[in-house]
């Protein structure tokens, strides 16, 4: 009997110690620094936004969050590194719609991961709205003026974008579908060439990120007619739905993810901490001055955004012949 009591007591202690260790583990995350993979070149818009978020997140978690830039292949290289990283919550990623949506549409064979199966979504951080720009001395004062002219003169207006299969290319197609206007698409390989073509008169219209156009708007050289998502800094610039059309244009975005399969106790710490960091007023103000829209969305809504954007872009790609089905 005495021996049984000793064994039973020892077993109880083992169970208690195990439960205590689990509780301590849950309470102690994070107990050392966290690596944040940003698959965007250092100094790029997404990198700047990510670092602002990371600084605030480190303060909230009480641990240093160390950024590692792994750019390449339209943000897919670093995103793939995140998918293959340890699932312990100490490697996170800040990536883009290019990596999670558009590369899968335009070059699916180059994307080695599944955005839905291989990642735990943590939070949407920013949208980067696209806008429609013309030269300031052009005859088109409003988006309606532009559409009316393009409908009466199909194909006459040349429009520059960041390339075939880019978000701006898809937005051109959405505009044509919604309005009946017809443009001649002039694709570039991103960068400043899209805007330079408009400034030089090589095209009459450009679709690109608001931040690229803004300095030239401020200098009186360009005029913005439309934006894909409402900007507090440009309250009078309409979205296409505000003009009565049935759907919004696509906007690029940046968001935080972890590799799929992170422990639930880790996510219970991370998700509210990231939400608090995204909603920090100082960080939000800094980012929105750069022409972005800070908009927190929780994991489930971020997952839905990926699915919805992919379905929209994929449908357009099939119509354009960029994909067979």
C-alpha atoms as a PDB file:
ATOM      1  CA  UNK A   1       0.000   0.000   0.000  1.00  0.00           C
ATOM      2  CA  UNK A   2       2.803   2.371   0.986  1.00  0.00           C
ATOM      3  CA  UNK A   3       4.643   1.605  -2.257  1.00  0.00           C
ATOM      4  CA  UNK A   4       1.437   2.322  -4.242  1.00  0.00           C
ATOM      5  CA  UNK A   5       1.086   5.702  -2.515  1.00  0.00           C
ATOM      6  CA  UNK A   6       4.686   6.614  -3.375  1.00  0.00           C
ATOM      7  CA  UNK A   7       4.156   5.707  -7.046  1.00  0.00           C
ATOM      8  CA  UNK A   8       0.847   7.584  -7.172  1.00  0.00           C
ATOM      9  CA  UNK A   9       2.394  10.665  -5.582  1.00  0.00           C
ATOM     10  CA  UNK A  10       5.327  10.573  -7.979  1.00  0.00           C
ATOM     11  CA  UNK A  11       2.952  10.269 -10.945  1.00  0.00           C
ATOM     12  CA  UNK A  12       0.925  13.221  -9.700  1.00  0.00           C
ATOM     13  CA  UNK A  13       4.073  15.317  -9.437  1.00  0.00           C
ATOM     14  CA  UNK A  14       5.055  14.399 -13.012  1.00  0.00           C
ATOM     15  CA  UNK A  15       1.626  15.494 -14.288  1.00  0.00           C
ATOM     16  CA  UNK A  16       1.757  18.711 -12.249  1.00  0.00           C
ATOM     17  CA  UNK A  17       5.249  19.572 -13.457  1.00  0.00           C
ATOM     18  CA  UNK A  18       4.222  18.900 -17.060  1.00  0.00           C
ATOM     19  CA  UNK A  19       1.211  21.186 -16.768  1.00  0.00           C
ATOM     20  CA  UNK A  20       3.323  23.858 -15.085  1.00  0.00           C
ATOM     21  CA  UNK A  21       5.937  23.674 -17.836  1.00  0.00           C
ATOM     22  CA  UNK A  22       3.218  24.062 -20.479  1.00  0.00           C
ATOM     23  CA  UNK A  23       1.747  27.061 -18.684  1.00  0.00           C
ATOM     24  CA  UNK A  24       5.167  28.668 -18.290  1.00  0.00           C
ATOM     25  CA  UNK A  25       5.857  28.099 -21.995  1.00  0.00           C
ATOM     26  CA  UNK A  26       2.567  29.732 -22.946  1.00  0.00           C
ATOM     27  CA  UNK A  27       3.198  32.705 -20.659  1.00  0.00           C
ATOM     28  CA  UNK A  28       6.812  33.149 -21.689  1.00  0.00           C
ATOM     29  CA  UNK A  29       6.320  33.601 -25.447  1.00  0.00           C
ATOM     30  CA  UNK A  30       8.221  35.395 -26.725  1.00  0.00           C
ATOM     31  CA  UNK A  31      11.269  34.809 -24.528  1.00  0.00           C
ATOM     32  CA  UNK A  32      13.865  35.851 -27.125  1.00  0.00           C
ATOM     33  CA  UNK A  33      14.123  37.898 -30.305  1.00  0.00           C
ATOM     34  CA  UNK A  34      11.897  37.300 -33.335  1.00  0.00           C
ATOM     35  CA  UNK A  35      13.005  37.307 -36.977  1.00  0.00           C
ATOM     36  CA  UNK A  36      10.802  39.170 -39.438  1.00  0.00           C
ATOM     37  CA  UNK A  37      11.298  38.256 -43.101  1.00  0.00           C
ATOM     38  CA  UNK A  38      10.435  41.092 -45.484  1.00  0.00           C
ATOM     39  CA  UNK A  39      10.670  39.886 -49.100  1.00  0.00           C
ATOM     40  CA  UNK A  40      10.880  43.472 -50.373  1.00  0.00           C
ATOM     41  CA  UNK A  41      14.102  45.410 -51.113  1.00  0.00           C
ATOM     42  CA  UNK A  42      15.361  47.584 -48.256  1.00  0.00           C
ATOM     43  CA  UNK A  43      14.012  51.092 -48.596  1.00  0.00           C
ATOM     44  CA  UNK A  44      10.996  50.090 -50.698  1.00  0.00           C
ATOM     45  CA  UNK A  45       7.538  51.209 -49.628  1.00  0.00           C
ATOM     46  CA  UNK A  46       6.594  47.843 -48.183  1.00  0.00           C
ATOM     47  CA  UNK A  47       9.906  47.613 -46.331  1.00  0.00           C
ATOM     48  CA  UNK A  48       9.432  51.060 -44.761  1.00  0.00           C
ATOM     49  CA  UNK A  49       5.875  50.238 -43.693  1.00  0.00           C
ATOM     50  CA  UNK A  50       6.938  46.860 -42.328  1.00  0.00           C
ATOM     51  CA  UNK A  51       9.711  48.376 -40.235  1.00  0.00           C
ATOM     52  CA  UNK A  52       7.344  50.952 -38.737  1.00  0.00           C
ATOM     53  CA  UNK A  53       5.024  48.099 -37.737  1.00  0.00           C
ATOM     54  CA  UNK A  54       7.911  45.968 -36.471  1.00  0.00           C
ATOM     55  CA  UNK A  55       9.225  48.721 -34.197  1.00  0.00           C
ATOM     56  CA  UNK A  56       5.858  49.044 -32.495  1.00  0.00           C
ATOM     57  CA  UNK A  57       5.336  45.269 -32.300  1.00  0.00           C
ATOM     58  CA  UNK A  58       8.693  44.831 -30.556  1.00  0.00           C
ATOM     59  CA  UNK A  59       7.670  47.335 -27.873  1.00  0.00           C
ATOM     60  CA  UNK A  60       4.369  45.552 -27.296  1.00  0.00           C
ATOM     61  CA  UNK A  61       5.925  42.070 -27.111  1.00  0.00           C
ATOM     62  CA  UNK A  62       8.908  43.217 -25.068  1.00  0.00           C
ATOM     63  CA  UNK A  63      11.362  41.544 -27.446  1.00  0.00           C
ATOM     64  CA  UNK A  64      13.476  42.741 -30.341  1.00  0.00           C
ATOM     65  CA  UNK A  65      12.035  41.993 -33.785  1.00  0.00           C
ATOM     66  CA  UNK A  66      14.914  41.735 -36.252  1.00  0.00           C
ATOM     67  CA  UNK A  67      14.191  42.416 -39.924  1.00  0.00           C
ATOM     68  CA  UNK A  68      15.766  40.259 -42.623  1.00  0.00           C
ATOM     69  CA  UNK A  69      15.197  41.426 -46.200  1.00  0.00           C
ATOM     70  CA  UNK A  70      14.948  38.580 -48.731  1.00  0.00           C
ATOM     71  CA  UNK A  71      13.804  40.230 -51.978  1.00  0.00           C
ATOM     72  CA  UNK A  72      13.424  38.639 -55.372  1.00  0.00           C
ATOM     73  CA  UNK A  73      10.961  37.125 -57.852  1.00  0.00           C
ATOM     74  CA  UNK A  74       8.095  39.562 -57.150  1.00  0.00           C
ATOM     75  CA  UNK A  75       8.374  39.043 -53.384  1.00  0.00           C
ATOM     76  CA  UNK A  76       7.988  35.264 -53.680  1.00  0.00           C
ATOM     77  CA  UNK A  77      11.556  34.345 -52.692  1.00  0.00           C
ATOM     78  CA  UNK A  78      11.353  35.626 -49.133  1.00  0.00           C
ATOM     79  CA  UNK A  79       7.739  34.513 -48.832  1.00  0.00           C
ATOM     80  CA  UNK A  80       8.795  30.962 -49.703  1.00  0.00           C
ATOM     81  CA  UNK A  81      11.523  31.163 -47.033  1.00  0.00           C
ATOM     82  CA  UNK A  82       8.804  32.024 -44.506  1.00  0.00           C
ATOM     83  CA  UNK A  83       6.692  29.049 -45.579  1.00  0.00           C
ATOM     84  CA  UNK A  84       9.671  26.737 -44.945  1.00  0.00           C
ATOM     85  CA  UNK A  85      10.672  28.260 -41.590  1.00  0.00           C
ATOM     86  CA  UNK A  86      10.138  26.837 -38.102  1.00  0.00           C
ATOM     87  CA  UNK A  87       6.577  27.029 -36.817  1.00  0.00           C
ATOM     88  CA  UNK A  88       7.482  28.190 -33.302  1.00  0.00           C
ATOM     89  CA  UNK A  89       6.458  31.835 -33.726  1.00  0.00           C
ATOM     90  CA  UNK A  90      10.018  33.146 -33.836  1.00  0.00           C
ATOM     91  CA  UNK A  91      10.046  33.590 -37.624  1.00  0.00           C
ATOM     92  CA  UNK A  92       7.305  35.771 -39.066  1.00  0.00           C
ATOM     93  CA  UNK A  93       6.860  37.505 -42.398  1.00  0.00           C
ATOM     94  CA  UNK A  94       5.580  40.768 -43.838  1.00  0.00           C
ATOM     95  CA  UNK A  95       4.637  40.207 -47.452  1.00  0.00           C
ATOM     96  CA  UNK A  96       2.493  41.496 -50.278  1.00  0.00           C
ATOM     97  CA  UNK A  97      -0.445  40.834 -52.563  1.00  0.00           C
ATOM     98  CA  UNK A  98       2.120  40.364 -55.338  1.00  0.00           C
ATOM     99  CA  UNK A  99       3.469  37.276 -53.561  1.00  0.00           C
ATOM    100  CA  UNK A 100       0.130  35.979 -52.287  1.00  0.00           C
ATOM    101  CA  UNK A 101      -2.134  36.701 -55.258  1.00  0.00           C
ATOM    102  CA  UNK A 102      -0.757  38.116 -58.496  1.00  0.00           C
ATOM    103  CA  UNK A 103       2.341  35.970 -59.023  1.00  0.00           C
ATOM    104  CA  UNK A 104       0.109  32.908 -58.724  1.00  0.00           C
ATOM    105  CA  UNK A 105      -2.109  34.323 -61.458  1.00  0.00           C
ATOM    106  CA  UNK A 106       0.560  35.415 -63.933  1.00  0.00           C
ATOM    107  CA  UNK A 107       3.403  32.949 -63.213  1.00  0.00           C
ATOM    108  CA  UNK A 108       1.951  30.060 -61.177  1.00  0.00           C
ATOM    109  CA  UNK A 109       4.837  27.751 -62.063  1.00  0.00           C
ATOM    110  CA  UNK A 110       7.262  30.043 -60.192  1.00  0.00           C
ATOM    111  CA  UNK A 111       5.315  30.064 -56.900  1.00  0.00           C
ATOM    112  CA  UNK A 112       6.385  27.031 -54.826  1.00  0.00           C
ATOM    113  CA  UNK A 113       3.898  27.558 -51.966  1.00  0.00           C
ATOM    114  CA  UNK A 114       0.143  27.610 -51.417  1.00  0.00           C
ATOM    115  CA  UNK A 115      -0.915  30.933 -49.821  1.00  0.00           C
ATOM    116  CA  UNK A 116      -3.875  29.310 -48.089  1.00  0.00           C
ATOM    117  CA  UNK A 117      -2.353  26.015 -46.914  1.00  0.00           C
ATOM    118  CA  UNK A 118       1.237  27.048 -46.153  1.00  0.00           C
ATOM    119  CA  UNK A 119       0.686  30.156 -43.997  1.00  0.00           C
ATOM    120  CA  UNK A 120      -1.131  31.289 -40.880  1.00  0.00           C
ATOM    121  CA  UNK A 121      -2.549  34.752 -41.671  1.00  0.00           C
ATOM    122  CA  UNK A 122      -2.021  37.155 -38.760  1.00  0.00           C
ATOM    123  CA  UNK A 123      -3.244  40.590 -39.871  1.00  0.00           C
ATOM    124  CA  UNK A 124      -3.692  42.890 -42.840  1.00  0.00           C
ATOM    125  CA  UNK A 125      -1.663  46.077 -42.376  1.00  0.00           C
ATOM    126  CA  UNK A 126      -1.959  48.401 -45.381  1.00  0.00           C
ATOM    127  CA  UNK A 127      -3.527  48.901 -48.753  1.00  0.00           C
ATOM    128  CA  UNK A 128      -1.617  50.843 -51.368  1.00  0.00           C
ATOM    129  CA  UNK A 129      -4.248  52.452 -53.587  1.00  0.00           C
ATOM    130  CA  UNK A 130      -3.786  52.761 -57.324  1.00  0.00           C
ATOM    131  CA  UNK A 131      -4.900  55.864 -59.179  1.00  0.00           C
ATOM    132  CA  UNK A 132      -5.664  57.021 -62.701  1.00  0.00           C
ATOM    133  CA  UNK A 133      -3.539  59.984 -63.799  1.00  0.00           C
ATOM    134  CA  UNK A 134      -3.374  62.285 -66.811  1.00  0.00           C
ATOM    135  CA  UNK A 135      -1.278  65.337 -67.620  1.00  0.00           C
ATOM    136  CA  UNK A 136      -2.454  68.485 -65.868  1.00  0.00           C
ATOM    137  CA  UNK A 137      -2.941  70.289 -69.193  1.00  0.00           C
ATOM    138  CA  UNK A 138      -5.039  67.478 -70.686  1.00  0.00           C
ATOM    139  CA  UNK A 139      -8.701  68.129 -71.608  1.00  0.00           C
ATOM    140  CA  UNK A 140      -9.950  65.488 -69.124  1.00  0.00           C
ATOM    141  CA  UNK A 141     -10.878  67.163 -65.869  1.00  0.00           C
ATOM    142  CA  UNK A 142     -12.814  64.209 -64.450  1.00  0.00           C
ATOM    143  CA  UNK A 143     -12.910  60.435 -64.816  1.00  0.00           C
ATOM    144  CA  UNK A 144     -16.228  60.796 -66.679  1.00  0.00           C
ATOM    145  CA  UNK A 145     -14.539  63.071 -69.229  1.00  0.00           C
ATOM    146  CA  UNK A 146     -11.859  60.439 -69.788  1.00  0.00           C
ATOM    147  CA  UNK A 147     -14.333  57.574 -70.146  1.00  0.00           C
ATOM    148  CA  UNK A 148     -16.572  59.514 -72.529  1.00  0.00           C
ATOM    149  CA  UNK A 149     -13.597  60.285 -74.788  1.00  0.00           C
ATOM    150  CA  UNK A 150     -12.303  56.694 -74.676  1.00  0.00           C
ATOM    151  CA  UNK A 151     -15.727  55.340 -75.615  1.00  0.00           C
ATOM    152  CA  UNK A 152     -16.027  57.721 -78.576  1.00  0.00           C
ATOM    153  CA  UNK A 153     -12.422  57.042 -79.646  1.00  0.00           C
ATOM    154  CA  UNK A 154     -11.814  53.349 -78.883  1.00  0.00           C
ATOM    155  CA  UNK A 155      -8.143  52.453 -78.582  1.00  0.00           C
ATOM    156  CA  UNK A 156      -6.895  55.984 -79.187  1.00  0.00           C
ATOM    157  CA  UNK A 157      -5.832  56.623 -75.592  1.00  0.00           C
ATOM    158  CA  UNK A 158      -2.660  54.818 -74.546  1.00  0.00           C
ATOM    159  CA  UNK A 159      -2.441  53.772 -70.897  1.00  0.00           C
ATOM    160  CA  UNK A 160       0.774  52.772 -69.113  1.00  0.00           C
ATOM    161  CA  UNK A 161       0.915  50.213 -66.302  1.00  0.00           C
ATOM    162  CA  UNK A 162       3.561  48.350 -64.315  1.00  0.00           C
ATOM    163  CA  UNK A 163       3.302  45.378 -66.679  1.00  0.00           C
ATOM    164  CA  UNK A 164       1.136  42.580 -68.004  1.00  0.00           C
ATOM    165  CA  UNK A 165      -0.457  40.814 -65.048  1.00  0.00           C
ATOM    166  CA  UNK A 166       0.218  43.662 -62.609  1.00  0.00           C
ATOM    167  CA  UNK A 167      -2.503  44.990 -60.313  1.00  0.00           C
ATOM    168  CA  UNK A 168      -2.710  48.115 -62.478  1.00  0.00           C
ATOM    169  CA  UNK A 169      -3.156  45.966 -65.611  1.00  0.00           C
ATOM    170  CA  UNK A 170      -6.065  44.170 -63.945  1.00  0.00           C
ATOM    171  CA  UNK A 171      -7.561  47.534 -62.969  1.00  0.00           C
ATOM    172  CA  UNK A 172      -7.416  48.742 -66.580  1.00  0.00           C
ATOM    173  CA  UNK A 173      -9.392  45.645 -67.551  1.00  0.00           C
ATOM    174  CA  UNK A 174     -11.932  46.232 -64.771  1.00  0.00           C
ATOM    175  CA  UNK A 175     -12.394  49.862 -65.882  1.00  0.00           C
ATOM    176  CA  UNK A 176     -12.930  48.789 -69.498  1.00  0.00           C
ATOM    177  CA  UNK A 177     -15.406  46.108 -68.426  1.00  0.00           C
ATOM    178  CA  UNK A 178     -17.392  48.447 -66.151  1.00  0.00           C
ATOM    179  CA  UNK A 179     -17.456  51.522 -68.387  1.00  0.00           C
ATOM    180  CA  UNK A 180     -17.269  50.258 -71.968  1.00  0.00           C
ATOM    181  CA  UNK A 181     -14.196  52.425 -72.603  1.00  0.00           C
ATOM    182  CA  UNK A 182     -11.371  50.952 -74.688  1.00  0.00           C
ATOM    183  CA  UNK A 183      -7.701  51.829 -74.125  1.00  0.00           C
ATOM    184  CA  UNK A 184      -4.471  50.695 -75.753  1.00  0.00           C
ATOM    185  CA  UNK A 185      -2.380  49.068 -73.027  1.00  0.00           C
ATOM    186  CA  UNK A 186       1.314  50.009 -72.872  1.00  0.00           C
ATOM    187  CA  UNK A 187       2.976  47.758 -70.245  1.00  0.00           C
ATOM    188  CA  UNK A 188       6.296  48.584 -68.575  1.00  0.00           C
ATOM    189  CA  UNK A 189       8.370  46.612 -66.072  1.00  0.00           C
ATOM    190  CA  UNK A 190       7.365  48.661 -63.052  1.00  0.00           C
ATOM    191  CA  UNK A 191       9.549  51.332 -61.518  1.00  0.00           C
ATOM    192  CA  UNK A 192       9.282  54.966 -62.555  1.00  0.00           C
ATOM    193  CA  UNK A 193       8.901  54.222 -66.288  1.00  0.00           C
ATOM    194  CA  UNK A 194       5.108  54.158 -65.960  1.00  0.00           C
ATOM    195  CA  UNK A 195       5.032  57.760 -64.726  1.00  0.00           C
ATOM    196  CA  UNK A 196       7.873  58.935 -66.982  1.00  0.00           C
ATOM    197  CA  UNK A 197       5.915  57.782 -70.024  1.00  0.00           C
ATOM    198  CA  UNK A 198       2.980  59.950 -68.968  1.00  0.00           C
ATOM    199  CA  UNK A 199       5.138  62.974 -68.181  1.00  0.00           C
ATOM    200  CA  UNK A 200       6.858  62.655 -71.556  1.00  0.00           C
ATOM    201  CA  UNK A 201       3.617  62.383 -73.500  1.00  0.00           C
ATOM    202  CA  UNK A 202       4.333  58.831 -74.690  1.00  0.00           C
ATOM    203  CA  UNK A 203       0.958  57.797 -73.214  1.00  0.00           C
ATOM    204  CA  UNK A 204      -2.133  59.813 -72.353  1.00  0.00           C
ATOM    205  CA  UNK A 205      -3.121  57.933 -69.172  1.00  0.00           C
ATOM    206  CA  UNK A 206      -1.339  55.997 -66.416  1.00  0.00           C
ATOM    207  CA  UNK A 207      -2.548  53.567 -63.767  1.00  0.00           C
ATOM    208  CA  UNK A 208      -0.122  53.259 -60.834  1.00  0.00           C
ATOM    209  CA  UNK A 209       0.403  53.778 -57.087  1.00  0.00           C
ATOM    210  CA  UNK A 210      -0.757  57.149 -55.778  1.00  0.00           C
ATOM    211  CA  UNK A 211       2.598  57.835 -54.118  1.00  0.00           C
ATOM    212  CA  UNK A 212       4.403  57.743 -57.479  1.00  0.00           C
ATOM    213  CA  UNK A 213       2.137  60.404 -58.954  1.00  0.00           C
ATOM    214  CA  UNK A 214       1.798  62.679 -55.935  1.00  0.00           C
ATOM    215  CA  UNK A 215       5.060  64.676 -56.292  1.00  0.00           C
ATOM    216  CA  UNK A 216       4.165  65.438 -59.907  1.00  0.00           C
ATOM    217  CA  UNK A 217       0.621  66.375 -58.917  1.00  0.00           C
ATOM    218  CA  UNK A 218       2.032  68.734 -56.286  1.00  0.00           C
ATOM    219  CA  UNK A 219       4.321  70.231 -58.950  1.00  0.00           C
ATOM    220  CA  UNK A 220       1.327  70.932 -61.197  1.00  0.00           C
ATOM    221  CA  UNK A 221       2.343  68.472 -63.913  1.00  0.00           C
ATOM    222  CA  UNK A 222      -0.222  65.692 -63.408  1.00  0.00           C
ATOM    223  CA  UNK A 223      -3.883  65.378 -62.421  1.00  0.00           C
ATOM    224  CA  UNK A 224      -5.464  62.433 -60.589  1.00  0.00           C
ATOM    225  CA  UNK A 225      -8.949  61.396 -61.715  1.00  0.00           C
ATOM    226  CA  UNK A 226      -9.716  58.276 -59.693  1.00  0.00           C
ATOM    227  CA  UNK A 227      -8.391  56.165 -56.819  1.00  0.00           C
ATOM    228  CA  UNK A 228      -8.938  52.491 -56.051  1.00  0.00           C
ATOM    229  CA  UNK A 229      -9.416  53.072 -52.316  1.00  0.00           C
ATOM    230  CA  UNK A 230     -10.387  56.225 -50.437  1.00  0.00           C
ATOM    231  CA  UNK A 231      -7.498  58.288 -49.095  1.00  0.00           C
ATOM    232  CA  UNK A 232      -7.870  60.677 -46.159  1.00  0.00           C
ATOM    233  CA  UNK A 233      -5.191  62.904 -47.692  1.00  0.00           C
ATOM    234  CA  UNK A 234      -7.198  63.207 -50.951  1.00  0.00           C
ATOM    235  CA  UNK A 235     -10.816  63.360 -49.764  1.00  0.00           C
ATOM    236  CA  UNK A 236     -12.148  64.808 -53.026  1.00  0.00           C
ATOM    237  CA  UNK A 237     -10.623  62.110 -55.226  1.00  0.00           C
ATOM    238  CA  UNK A 238     -13.418  59.594 -55.944  1.00  0.00           C
ATOM    239  CA  UNK A 239     -13.406  55.827 -56.091  1.00  0.00           C
ATOM    240  CA  UNK A 240     -15.153  54.176 -59.006  1.00  0.00           C
ATOM    241  CA  UNK A 241     -18.045  52.970 -56.822  1.00  0.00           C
ATOM    242  CA  UNK A 242     -18.625  56.536 -55.657  1.00  0.00           C
ATOM    243  CA  UNK A 243     -19.221  57.349 -59.320  1.00  0.00           C
ATOM    244  CA  UNK A 244     -21.974  54.729 -59.477  1.00  0.00           C
ATOM    245  CA  UNK A 245     -20.174  51.660 -60.813  1.00  0.00           C
ATOM    246  CA  UNK A 246     -20.878  48.280 -59.272  1.00  0.00           C
ATOM    247  CA  UNK A 247     -17.455  47.223 -57.937  1.00  0.00           C
ATOM    248  CA  UNK A 248     -14.202  48.687 -56.649  1.00  0.00           C
ATOM    249  CA  UNK A 249     -10.859  48.459 -58.390  1.00  0.00           C
ATOM    250  CA  UNK A 250      -8.139  46.243 -56.946  1.00  0.00           C
ATOM    251  CA  UNK A 251      -5.566  47.681 -54.540  1.00  0.00           C
ATOM    252  CA  UNK A 252      -2.249  46.162 -53.557  1.00  0.00           C
ATOM    253  CA  UNK A 253      -1.674  45.343 -49.891  1.00  0.00           C
ATOM    254  CA  UNK A 254       0.842  44.247 -47.257  1.00  0.00           C
ATOM    255  CA  UNK A 255       0.121  41.873 -44.399  1.00  0.00           C
ATOM    256  CA  UNK A 256       1.724  39.722 -41.701  1.00  0.00           C
ATOM    257  CA  UNK A 257       1.883  35.942 -41.794  1.00  0.00           C
ATOM    258  CA  UNK A 258       3.524  33.038 -40.047  1.00  0.00           C
ATOM    259  CA  UNK A 259       4.230  29.550 -41.386  1.00  0.00           C
ATOM    260  CA  UNK A 260       1.205  27.258 -41.174  1.00  0.00           C
ATOM    261  CA  UNK A 261       0.909  25.256 -37.974  1.00  0.00           C
ATOM    262  CA  UNK A 262       2.087  27.738 -35.343  1.00  0.00           C
ATOM    263  CA  UNK A 263       0.972  26.820 -31.802  1.00  0.00           C
ATOM    264  CA  UNK A 264      -2.359  28.292 -30.774  1.00  0.00           C
ATOM    265  CA  UNK A 265      -0.873  29.751 -27.574  1.00  0.00           C
ATOM    266  CA  UNK A 266       1.631  31.662 -29.705  1.00  0.00           C
ATOM    267  CA  UNK A 267      -1.095  33.040 -31.976  1.00  0.00           C
ATOM    268  CA  UNK A 268      -3.101  34.093 -28.929  1.00  0.00           C
ATOM    269  CA  UNK A 269      -0.191  36.361 -28.023  1.00  0.00           C
ATOM    270  CA  UNK A 270       0.703  37.502 -31.540  1.00  0.00           C
ATOM    271  CA  UNK A 271      -2.684  38.359 -33.051  1.00  0.00           C
ATOM    272  CA  UNK A 272      -3.790  40.931 -30.435  1.00  0.00           C
ATOM    273  CA  UNK A 273      -0.257  42.361 -30.262  1.00  0.00           C
ATOM    274  CA  UNK A 274      -0.167  42.862 -34.050  1.00  0.00           C
ATOM    275  CA  UNK A 275      -3.642  44.416 -33.998  1.00  0.00           C
ATOM    276  CA  UNK A 276      -2.476  46.904 -31.370  1.00  0.00           C
ATOM    277  CA  UNK A 277       0.659  47.692 -33.391  1.00  0.00           C
ATOM    278  CA  UNK A 278      -1.314  48.237 -36.621  1.00  0.00           C
ATOM    279  CA  UNK A 279      -3.733  50.593 -34.871  1.00  0.00           C
ATOM    280  CA  UNK A 280      -0.978  52.654 -33.219  1.00  0.00           C
ATOM    281  CA  UNK A 281      -1.858  56.287 -34.136  1.00  0.00           C
ATOM    282  CA  UNK A 282       1.745  57.458 -34.597  1.00  0.00           C
ATOM    283  CA  UNK A 283       2.677  54.619 -36.931  1.00  0.00           C
ATOM    284  CA  UNK A 284      -0.582  54.993 -38.827  1.00  0.00           C
ATOM    285  CA  UNK A 285       0.059  58.707 -39.401  1.00  0.00           C
ATOM    286  CA  UNK A 286       3.603  58.084 -40.684  1.00  0.00           C
ATOM    287  CA  UNK A 287       2.438  55.445 -43.157  1.00  0.00           C
ATOM    288  CA  UNK A 288      -0.572  57.352 -44.466  1.00  0.00           C
ATOM    289  CA  UNK A 289       1.647  60.360 -45.217  1.00  0.00           C
ATOM    290  CA  UNK A 290       3.392  58.067 -47.717  1.00  0.00           C
ATOM    291  CA  UNK A 291       0.139  57.469 -49.633  1.00  0.00           C
ATOM    292  CA  UNK A 292      -0.940  54.176 -48.057  1.00  0.00           C
ATOM    293  CA  UNK A 293      -4.130  53.280 -46.195  1.00  0.00           C
ATOM    294  CA  UNK A 294      -3.687  51.549 -42.838  1.00  0.00           C
ATOM    295  CA  UNK A 295      -6.573  49.137 -42.345  1.00  0.00           C
ATOM    296  CA  UNK A 296      -6.419  46.324 -39.803  1.00  0.00           C
ATOM    297  CA  UNK A 297      -8.188  43.100 -40.731  1.00  0.00           C
ATOM    298  CA  UNK A 298      -8.032  39.955 -38.578  1.00  0.00           C
ATOM    299  CA  UNK A 299      -6.767  36.560 -39.805  1.00  0.00           C
ATOM    300  CA  UNK A 300     -10.072  35.234 -41.187  1.00  0.00           C
ATOM    301  CA  UNK A 301     -10.734  38.416 -43.160  1.00  0.00           C
ATOM    302  CA  UNK A 302      -7.184  38.446 -44.514  1.00  0.00           C
ATOM    303  CA  UNK A 303      -7.622  34.878 -45.737  1.00  0.00           C
ATOM    304  CA  UNK A 304     -10.880  35.875 -47.458  1.00  0.00           C
ATOM    305  CA  UNK A 305      -9.150  38.864 -49.101  1.00  0.00           C
ATOM    306  CA  UNK A 306      -6.540  36.542 -50.636  1.00  0.00           C
ATOM    307  CA  UNK A 307      -9.235  34.246 -52.016  1.00  0.00           C
ATOM    308  CA  UNK A 308     -11.411  37.077 -53.366  1.00  0.00           C
ATOM    309  CA  UNK A 309      -8.530  38.957 -55.027  1.00  0.00           C
ATOM    310  CA  UNK A 310      -7.246  35.757 -56.598  1.00  0.00           C
ATOM    311  CA  UNK A 311     -10.645  34.852 -58.038  1.00  0.00           C
ATOM    312  CA  UNK A 312     -11.037  38.343 -59.529  1.00  0.00           C
ATOM    313  CA  UNK A 313      -7.533  38.445 -61.015  1.00  0.00           C
ATOM    314  CA  UNK A 314      -7.689  34.851 -62.249  1.00  0.00           C
ATOM    315  CA  UNK A 315     -10.946  35.512 -64.096  1.00  0.00           C
ATOM    316  CA  UNK A 316      -9.395  38.525 -65.833  1.00  0.00           C
ATOM    317  CA  UNK A 317      -6.226  36.568 -66.650  1.00  0.00           C
ATOM    318  CA  UNK A 318      -8.252  33.842 -68.343  1.00  0.00           C
ATOM    319  CA  UNK A 319     -10.079  36.472 -70.388  1.00  0.00           C
ATOM    320  CA  UNK A 320      -6.776  38.056 -71.403  1.00  0.00           C
ATOM    321  CA  UNK A 321      -5.270  34.696 -72.327  1.00  0.00           C
ATOM    322  CA  UNK A 322      -2.671  34.851 -69.529  1.00  0.00           C
ATOM    323  CA  UNK A 323      -4.062  31.551 -68.215  1.00  0.00           C
ATOM    324  CA  UNK A 324      -5.926  28.760 -69.962  1.00  0.00           C
ATOM    325  CA  UNK A 325      -8.457  28.119 -67.236  1.00  0.00           C
END
